[in-house]
C-alpha atoms as a PDB file:
ATOM      1  CA  UNK A   1      33.219 -29.060  -0.147  1.00  0.00           C
ATOM      2  CA  UNK A   2      35.473 -32.112  -0.499  1.00  0.00           C
ATOM      3  CA  UNK A   3      36.038 -34.632   2.278  1.00  0.00           C
ATOM      4  CA  UNK A   4      39.514 -33.345   3.161  1.00  0.00           C
ATOM      5  CA  UNK A   5      38.151 -29.852   3.700  1.00  0.00           C
ATOM      6  CA  UNK A   6      35.194 -31.149   5.699  1.00  0.00           C
ATOM      7  CA  UNK A   7      37.521 -33.189   7.898  1.00  0.00           C
ATOM      8  CA  UNK A   8      39.819 -30.211   8.486  1.00  0.00           C
ATOM      9  CA  UNK A   9      36.809 -28.128   9.538  1.00  0.00           C
ATOM     10  CA  UNK A  10      35.760 -30.902  11.916  1.00  0.00           C
ATOM     11  CA  UNK A  11      39.266 -30.849  13.404  1.00  0.00           C
ATOM     12  CA  UNK A  12      38.948 -27.114  13.978  1.00  0.00           C
ATOM     13  CA  UNK A  13      35.701 -27.826  15.849  1.00  0.00           C
ATOM     14  CA  UNK A  14      37.478 -30.494  17.955  1.00  0.00           C
ATOM     15  CA  UNK A  15      35.355 -33.248  16.421  1.00  0.00           C
ATOM     16  CA  UNK A  16      38.344 -35.526  16.042  1.00  0.00           C
ATOM     17  CA  UNK A  17      36.574 -38.867  15.695  1.00  0.00           C
ATOM     18  CA  UNK A  18      34.405 -37.609  12.848  1.00  0.00           C
ATOM     19  CA  UNK A  19      37.431 -36.006  11.206  1.00  0.00           C
ATOM     20  CA  UNK A  20      39.399 -39.250  11.509  1.00  0.00           C
ATOM     21  CA  UNK A  21      36.565 -41.181   9.882  1.00  0.00           C
ATOM     22  CA  UNK A  22      36.525 -38.792   6.926  1.00  0.00           C
ATOM     23  CA  UNK A  23      40.307 -38.871   6.544  1.00  0.00           C
ATOM     24  CA  UNK A  24      40.119 -42.673   6.525  1.00  0.00           C
ATOM     25  CA  UNK A  25      37.588 -42.486   3.709  1.00  0.00           C
ATOM     26  CA  UNK A  26      39.848 -40.125   1.767  1.00  0.00           C
ATOM     27  CA  UNK A  27      42.796 -42.501   2.133  1.00  0.00           C
ATOM     28  CA  UNK A  28      40.684 -45.494   1.131  1.00  0.00           C
ATOM     29  CA  UNK A  29      39.371 -43.689  -1.946  1.00  0.00           C
ATOM     30  CA  UNK A  30      42.750 -42.164  -2.922  1.00  0.00           C
ATOM     31  CA  UNK A  31      45.497 -44.381  -1.487  1.00  0.00           C
ATOM     32  CA  UNK A  32      48.137 -42.779  -3.714  1.00  0.00           C
ATOM     33  CA  UNK A  33      47.326 -39.219  -2.694  1.00  0.00           C
ATOM     34  CA  UNK A  34      49.681 -38.029   0.084  1.00  0.00           C
ATOM     35  CA  UNK A  35      47.280 -35.299   1.227  1.00  0.00           C
ATOM     36  CA  UNK A  36      45.006 -37.661   3.125  1.00  0.00           C
ATOM     37  CA  UNK A  37      47.956 -39.159   4.985  1.00  0.00           C
ATOM     38  CA  UNK A  38      49.358 -35.712   5.801  1.00  0.00           C
ATOM     39  CA  UNK A  39      46.041 -34.458   7.144  1.00  0.00           C
ATOM     40  CA  UNK A  40      45.479 -37.600   9.193  1.00  0.00           C
ATOM     41  CA  UNK A  41      49.023 -37.205  10.508  1.00  0.00           C
ATOM     42  CA  UNK A  42      48.194 -33.637  11.523  1.00  0.00           C
ATOM     43  CA  UNK A  43      45.160 -34.880  13.431  1.00  0.00           C
ATOM     44  CA  UNK A  44      47.173 -37.572  15.206  1.00  0.00           C
ATOM     45  CA  UNK A  45      49.872 -35.050  16.065  1.00  0.00           C
ATOM     46  CA  UNK A  46      47.242 -32.739  17.519  1.00  0.00           C
ATOM     47  CA  UNK A  47      46.002 -35.490  19.850  1.00  0.00           C
ATOM     48  CA  UNK A  48      49.626 -36.398  20.684  1.00  0.00           C
ATOM     49  CA  UNK A  49      49.581 -39.837  19.065  1.00  0.00           C
ATOM     50  CA  UNK A  50      53.133 -39.321  17.858  1.00  0.00           C
ATOM     51  CA  UNK A  51      53.924 -42.880  16.810  1.00  0.00           C
ATOM     52  CA  UNK A  52      50.965 -43.168  14.452  1.00  0.00           C
ATOM     53  CA  UNK A  53      51.403 -39.601  13.206  1.00  0.00           C
ATOM     54  CA  UNK A  54      54.963 -40.410  12.181  1.00  0.00           C
ATOM     55  CA  UNK A  55      53.786 -43.429  10.208  1.00  0.00           C
ATOM     56  CA  UNK A  56      51.252 -41.345   8.304  1.00  0.00           C
ATOM     57  CA  UNK A  57      53.759 -38.610   7.463  1.00  0.00           C
ATOM     58  CA  UNK A  58      56.346 -41.147   6.364  1.00  0.00           C
ATOM     59  CA  UNK A  59      53.771 -42.893   4.184  1.00  0.00           C
ATOM     60  CA  UNK A  60      53.014 -39.539   2.540  1.00  0.00           C
ATOM     61  CA  UNK A  61      56.721 -39.098   1.794  1.00  0.00           C
ATOM     62  CA  UNK A  62      56.882 -42.611   0.332  1.00  0.00           C
ATOM     63  CA  UNK A  63      54.050 -41.701  -2.027  1.00  0.00           C
ATOM     64  CA  UNK A  64      55.494 -38.293  -2.898  1.00  0.00           C
ATOM     65  CA  UNK A  65      59.078 -37.483  -1.859  1.00  0.00           C
ATOM     66  CA  UNK A  66      58.363 -33.846  -2.761  1.00  0.00           C
ATOM     67  CA  UNK A  67      55.433 -33.449  -0.358  1.00  0.00           C
ATOM     68  CA  UNK A  68      56.773 -30.448   1.553  1.00  0.00           C
ATOM     69  CA  UNK A  69      53.945 -30.368   4.091  1.00  0.00           C
ATOM     70  CA  UNK A  70      54.714 -33.956   5.109  1.00  0.00           C
ATOM     71  CA  UNK A  71      58.231 -32.877   6.079  1.00  0.00           C
ATOM     72  CA  UNK A  72      56.750 -29.896   7.905  1.00  0.00           C
ATOM     73  CA  UNK A  73      54.512 -32.284   9.831  1.00  0.00           C
ATOM     74  CA  UNK A  74      57.492 -34.455  10.713  1.00  0.00           C
ATOM     75  CA  UNK A  75      59.324 -31.343  11.852  1.00  0.00           C
ATOM     76  CA  UNK A  76      56.445 -30.465  14.163  1.00  0.00           C
ATOM     77  CA  UNK A  77      56.360 -34.014  15.488  1.00  0.00           C
ATOM     78  CA  UNK A  78      60.065 -34.052  16.324  1.00  0.00           C
ATOM     79  CA  UNK A  79      59.793 -30.570  17.844  1.00  0.00           C
ATOM     80  CA  UNK A  80      57.012 -31.766  20.139  1.00  0.00           C
ATOM     81  CA  UNK A  81      59.212 -34.692  21.149  1.00  0.00           C
ATOM     82  CA  UNK A  82      62.166 -32.324  21.732  1.00  0.00           C
ATOM     83  CA  UNK A  83      64.240 -34.098  19.080  1.00  0.00           C
ATOM     84  CA  UNK A  84      65.465 -30.801  17.714  1.00  0.00           C
ATOM     85  CA  UNK A  85      68.132 -31.913  15.195  1.00  0.00           C
ATOM     86  CA  UNK A  86      65.540 -34.104  13.443  1.00  0.00           C
ATOM     87  CA  UNK A  87      63.001 -31.289  13.570  1.00  0.00           C
ATOM     88  CA  UNK A  88      65.565 -28.944  12.020  1.00  0.00           C
ATOM     89  CA  UNK A  89      66.327 -31.423   9.250  1.00  0.00           C
ATOM     90  CA  UNK A  90      62.669 -31.785   8.295  1.00  0.00           C
ATOM     91  CA  UNK A  91      61.853 -28.073   8.425  1.00  0.00           C
ATOM     92  CA  UNK A  92      64.840 -27.367   6.188  1.00  0.00           C
ATOM     93  CA  UNK A  93      63.659 -30.052   3.774  1.00  0.00           C
ATOM     94  CA  UNK A  94      60.182 -28.505   3.660  1.00  0.00           C
ATOM     95  CA  UNK A  95      61.688 -25.116   2.810  1.00  0.00           C
ATOM     96  CA  UNK A  96      63.969 -26.650   0.173  1.00  0.00           C
ATOM     97  CA  UNK A  97      60.876 -28.160  -1.436  1.00  0.00           C
ATOM     98  CA  UNK A  98      59.233 -24.754  -1.682  1.00  0.00           C
ATOM     99  CA  UNK A  99      57.085 -24.398   1.432  1.00  0.00           C
ATOM    100  CA  UNK A 100      57.228 -20.615   1.681  1.00  0.00           C
ATOM    101  CA  UNK A 101      55.103 -19.977   4.763  1.00  0.00           C
ATOM    102  CA  UNK A 102      55.808 -18.048   7.920  1.00  0.00           C
ATOM    103  CA  UNK A 103      55.069 -21.018  10.160  1.00  0.00           C
ATOM    104  CA  UNK A 104      57.820 -23.249   8.781  1.00  0.00           C
ATOM    105  CA  UNK A 105      60.443 -20.491   9.001  1.00  0.00           C
ATOM    106  CA  UNK A 106      59.271 -19.659  12.517  1.00  0.00           C
ATOM    107  CA  UNK A 107      59.436 -23.262  13.672  1.00  0.00           C
ATOM    108  CA  UNK A 108      62.891 -23.706  12.162  1.00  0.00           C
ATOM    109  CA  UNK A 109      64.014 -20.588  14.006  1.00  0.00           C
ATOM    110  CA  UNK A 110      62.512 -21.890  17.246  1.00  0.00           C
ATOM    111  CA  UNK A 111      64.222 -25.245  16.734  1.00  0.00           C
ATOM    112  CA  UNK A 112      67.567 -23.486  16.432  1.00  0.00           C
ATOM    113  CA  UNK A 113      66.762 -21.425  19.527  1.00  0.00           C
ATOM    114  CA  UNK A 114      66.120 -24.615  21.469  1.00  0.00           C
ATOM    115  CA  UNK A 115      69.599 -25.754  20.444  1.00  0.00           C
ATOM    116  CA  UNK A 116      71.001 -22.364  21.574  1.00  0.00           C
ATOM    117  CA  UNK A 117      72.029 -21.564  18.009  1.00  0.00           C
ATOM    118  CA  UNK A 118      70.689 -18.041  18.221  1.00  0.00           C
ATOM    119  CA  UNK A 119      72.682 -16.496  15.389  1.00  0.00           C
ATOM    120  CA  UNK A 120      71.638 -19.283  13.036  1.00  0.00           C
ATOM    121  CA  UNK A 121      67.995 -18.726  13.983  1.00  0.00           C
ATOM    122  CA  UNK A 122      68.048 -15.064  12.950  1.00  0.00           C
ATOM    123  CA  UNK A 123      67.496 -15.323   9.169  1.00  0.00           C
ATOM    124  CA  UNK A 124      64.635 -17.786   9.626  1.00  0.00           C
ATOM    125  CA  UNK A 125      62.846 -15.730  12.262  1.00  0.00           C
ATOM    126  CA  UNK A 126      63.388 -12.615  10.170  1.00  0.00           C
ATOM    127  CA  UNK A 127      61.873 -14.321   7.128  1.00  0.00           C
ATOM    128  CA  UNK A 128      58.951 -15.527   9.237  1.00  0.00           C
ATOM    129  CA  UNK A 129      58.348 -11.963  10.440  1.00  0.00           C
ATOM    130  CA  UNK A 130      58.389 -10.756   6.827  1.00  0.00           C
ATOM    131  CA  UNK A 131      55.809 -13.345   5.805  1.00  0.00           C
ATOM    132  CA  UNK A 132      53.573 -12.745   8.857  1.00  0.00           C
ATOM    133  CA  UNK A 133      54.116  -9.088   9.596  1.00  0.00           C
ATOM    134  CA  UNK A 134      51.373  -8.763  12.218  1.00  0.00           C
ATOM    135  CA  UNK A 135      52.453 -11.774  14.262  1.00  0.00           C
ATOM    136  CA  UNK A 136      53.776 -10.342  17.507  1.00  0.00           C
ATOM    137  CA  UNK A 137      55.140 -13.662  18.792  1.00  0.00           C
ATOM    138  CA  UNK A 138      57.339 -14.201  15.741  1.00  0.00           C
ATOM    139  CA  UNK A 139      58.691 -10.683  16.107  1.00  0.00           C
ATOM    140  CA  UNK A 140      59.242 -11.185  19.830  1.00  0.00           C
ATOM    141  CA  UNK A 141      61.205 -14.392  19.301  1.00  0.00           C
ATOM    142  CA  UNK A 142      63.281 -12.633  16.652  1.00  0.00           C
ATOM    143  CA  UNK A 143      64.044  -9.974  19.252  1.00  0.00           C
ATOM    144  CA  UNK A 144      65.129 -12.631  21.749  1.00  0.00           C
ATOM    145  CA  UNK A 145      67.520 -14.176  19.245  1.00  0.00           C
ATOM    146  CA  UNK A 146      68.922 -10.741  18.433  1.00  0.00           C
ATOM    147  CA  UNK A 147      69.519 -10.096  22.131  1.00  0.00           C
ATOM    148  CA  UNK A 148      71.125 -13.508  22.644  1.00  0.00           C
ATOM    149  CA  UNK A 149      73.381 -12.774  19.662  1.00  0.00           C
ATOM    150  CA  UNK A 150      74.485  -9.453  21.243  1.00  0.00           C
ATOM    151  CA  UNK A 151      72.652  -7.324  18.667  1.00  0.00           C
ATOM    152  CA  UNK A 152      71.279  -5.197  21.487  1.00  0.00           C
ATOM    153  CA  UNK A 153      70.271  -2.120  19.486  1.00  0.00           C
ATOM    154  CA  UNK A 154      68.387  -4.207  16.926  1.00  0.00           C
ATOM    155  CA  UNK A 155      66.772  -6.227  19.714  1.00  0.00           C
ATOM    156  CA  UNK A 156      65.572  -3.020  21.368  1.00  0.00           C
ATOM    157  CA  UNK A 157      63.952  -1.729  18.181  1.00  0.00           C
ATOM    158  CA  UNK A 158      62.363  -5.142  17.586  1.00  0.00           C
ATOM    159  CA  UNK A 159      60.813  -5.294  21.064  1.00  0.00           C
ATOM    160  CA  UNK A 160      59.527  -1.751  20.519  1.00  0.00           C
ATOM    161  CA  UNK A 161      57.865  -2.950  17.306  1.00  0.00           C
ATOM    162  CA  UNK A 162      56.228  -5.748  19.298  1.00  0.00           C
ATOM    163  CA  UNK A 163      54.719  -3.108  21.578  1.00  0.00           C
ATOM    164  CA  UNK A 164      53.447  -1.218  18.529  1.00  0.00           C
ATOM    165  CA  UNK A 165      51.465  -4.341  17.646  1.00  0.00           C
ATOM    166  CA  UNK A 166      50.487  -5.167  21.230  1.00  0.00           C
ATOM    167  CA  UNK A 167      51.230  -2.592  23.913  1.00  0.00           C
ATOM    168  CA  UNK A 168      50.282  -5.150  26.591  1.00  0.00           C
ATOM    169  CA  UNK A 169      53.025  -7.663  25.756  1.00  0.00           C
ATOM    170  CA  UNK A 170      54.540  -8.108  29.212  1.00  0.00           C
ATOM    171  CA  UNK A 171      57.643  -9.983  28.061  1.00  0.00           C
ATOM    172  CA  UNK A 172      58.491  -7.263  25.542  1.00  0.00           C
ATOM    173  CA  UNK A 173      58.322  -4.711  28.359  1.00  0.00           C
ATOM    174  CA  UNK A 174      60.495  -6.927  30.535  1.00  0.00           C
ATOM    175  CA  UNK A 175      63.148  -7.401  27.863  1.00  0.00           C
ATOM    176  CA  UNK A 176      63.229  -3.675  27.145  1.00  0.00           C
ATOM    177  CA  UNK A 177      63.842  -3.239  30.858  1.00  0.00           C
ATOM    178  CA  UNK A 178      66.758  -5.655  30.710  1.00  0.00           C
ATOM    179  CA  UNK A 179      68.219  -3.766  27.749  1.00  0.00           C
ATOM    180  CA  UNK A 180      67.805  -0.472  29.603  1.00  0.00           C
ATOM    181  CA  UNK A 181      69.708  -1.929  32.562  1.00  0.00           C
ATOM    182  CA  UNK A 182      72.405  -3.141  30.177  1.00  0.00           C
ATOM    183  CA  UNK A 183      72.669   0.461  28.987  1.00  0.00           C
ATOM    184  CA  UNK A 184      72.860   1.734  32.611  1.00  0.00           C
ATOM    185  CA  UNK A 185      69.464   3.432  32.341  1.00  0.00           C
ATOM    186  CA  UNK A 186      67.837   2.442  35.628  1.00  0.00           C
ATOM    187  CA  UNK A 187      64.936   4.865  35.305  1.00  0.00           C
ATOM    188  CA  UNK A 188      63.825   3.430  31.966  1.00  0.00           C
ATOM    189  CA  UNK A 189      64.410  -0.116  33.193  1.00  0.00           C
ATOM    190  CA  UNK A 190      62.219   0.514  36.223  1.00  0.00           C
ATOM    191  CA  UNK A 191      59.469   1.880  33.975  1.00  0.00           C
ATOM    192  CA  UNK A 192      59.462  -1.236  31.795  1.00  0.00           C
ATOM    193  CA  UNK A 193      59.590  -3.637  34.749  1.00  0.00           C
ATOM    194  CA  UNK A 194      56.623  -1.837  36.318  1.00  0.00           C
ATOM    195  CA  UNK A 195      54.715  -2.054  33.045  1.00  0.00           C
ATOM    196  CA  UNK A 196      55.422  -5.779  32.803  1.00  0.00           C
ATOM    197  CA  UNK A 197      54.110  -6.228  36.350  1.00  0.00           C
ATOM    198  CA  UNK A 198      51.045  -4.097  35.688  1.00  0.00           C
ATOM    199  CA  UNK A 199      50.158  -6.367  32.783  1.00  0.00           C
ATOM    200  CA  UNK A 200      51.249  -9.597  34.460  1.00  0.00           C
ATOM    201  CA  UNK A 201      51.443  -9.261  38.253  1.00  0.00           C
ATOM    202  CA  UNK A 202      53.076 -12.693  38.615  1.00  0.00           C
ATOM    203  CA  UNK A 203      55.922 -11.859  36.213  1.00  0.00           C
ATOM    204  CA  UNK A 204      58.694 -13.033  38.528  1.00  0.00           C
ATOM    205  CA  UNK A 205      61.585 -11.890  36.346  1.00  0.00           C
ATOM    206  CA  UNK A 206      60.200  -8.357  36.152  1.00  0.00           C
ATOM    207  CA  UNK A 207      59.619  -8.392  39.914  1.00  0.00           C
ATOM    208  CA  UNK A 208      63.215  -9.456  40.485  1.00  0.00           C
ATOM    209  CA  UNK A 209      64.470  -6.745  38.145  1.00  0.00           C
ATOM    210  CA  UNK A 210      62.442  -4.097  39.953  1.00  0.00           C
ATOM    211  CA  UNK A 211      63.623  -5.321  43.363  1.00  0.00           C
ATOM    212  CA  UNK A 212      67.252  -5.326  42.247  1.00  0.00           C
ATOM    213  CA  UNK A 213      67.020  -1.700  41.147  1.00  0.00           C
ATOM    214  CA  UNK A 214      65.420  -0.752  44.452  1.00  0.00           C
ATOM    215  CA  UNK A 215      67.971  -2.757  46.424  1.00  0.00           C
ATOM    216  CA  UNK A 216      70.794  -0.884  44.740  1.00  0.00           C
ATOM    217  CA  UNK A 217      69.255   2.414  45.746  1.00  0.00           C
ATOM    218  CA  UNK A 218      68.089   3.298  42.258  1.00  0.00           C
ATOM    219  CA  UNK A 219      64.384   3.500  43.040  1.00  0.00           C
ATOM    220  CA  UNK A 220      63.705   6.516  40.874  1.00  0.00           C
ATOM    221  CA  UNK A 221      60.347   8.213  41.082  1.00  0.00           C
ATOM    222  CA  UNK A 222      58.690   8.463  37.698  1.00  0.00           C
END
């Protein structure tokens, strides 16, 4: 097992100081290899040392302008700092350079969501869901963007797919309740709001939805 791999495993075990020491050795031994800088940047990002992480990612790009994962790291850094246009720019660069992974498409979609560009987020979240088909959170976020883009029927089927993966996803139940209300189906809406509250008793939005139905005299016995 090489030092990079050992250091990554140490990171996974939260042994950050030991991982940092190994990454330093990698960089010292191979100063023209961007991988050591990228991995050290990932560690620094994880511990929220954003200034130093940025320097390591940028050094990796100086060594290899085609290092897609360095741009992905920069995208994550800017996302964490809520600098969404810069995050978007770096995620797009990573994809242009051939990083074909669900995470980068997902994060680009989330970056566009944060900028309320829901329609623009759709193809990226869709691609992410294709690459990571069992990831319920990617699918859920895709459903949210569909709903925000007024693709209500597609959003409904997407949230239903989320429940096929995880029947206890409270937010999927809640959003199906909202869609049911939009379609003037109070009985179905009440069912989904109750399910959301069963799973997550402090789900305030579902509680408000349930109370609103009851307040309007639509408290339908199931």
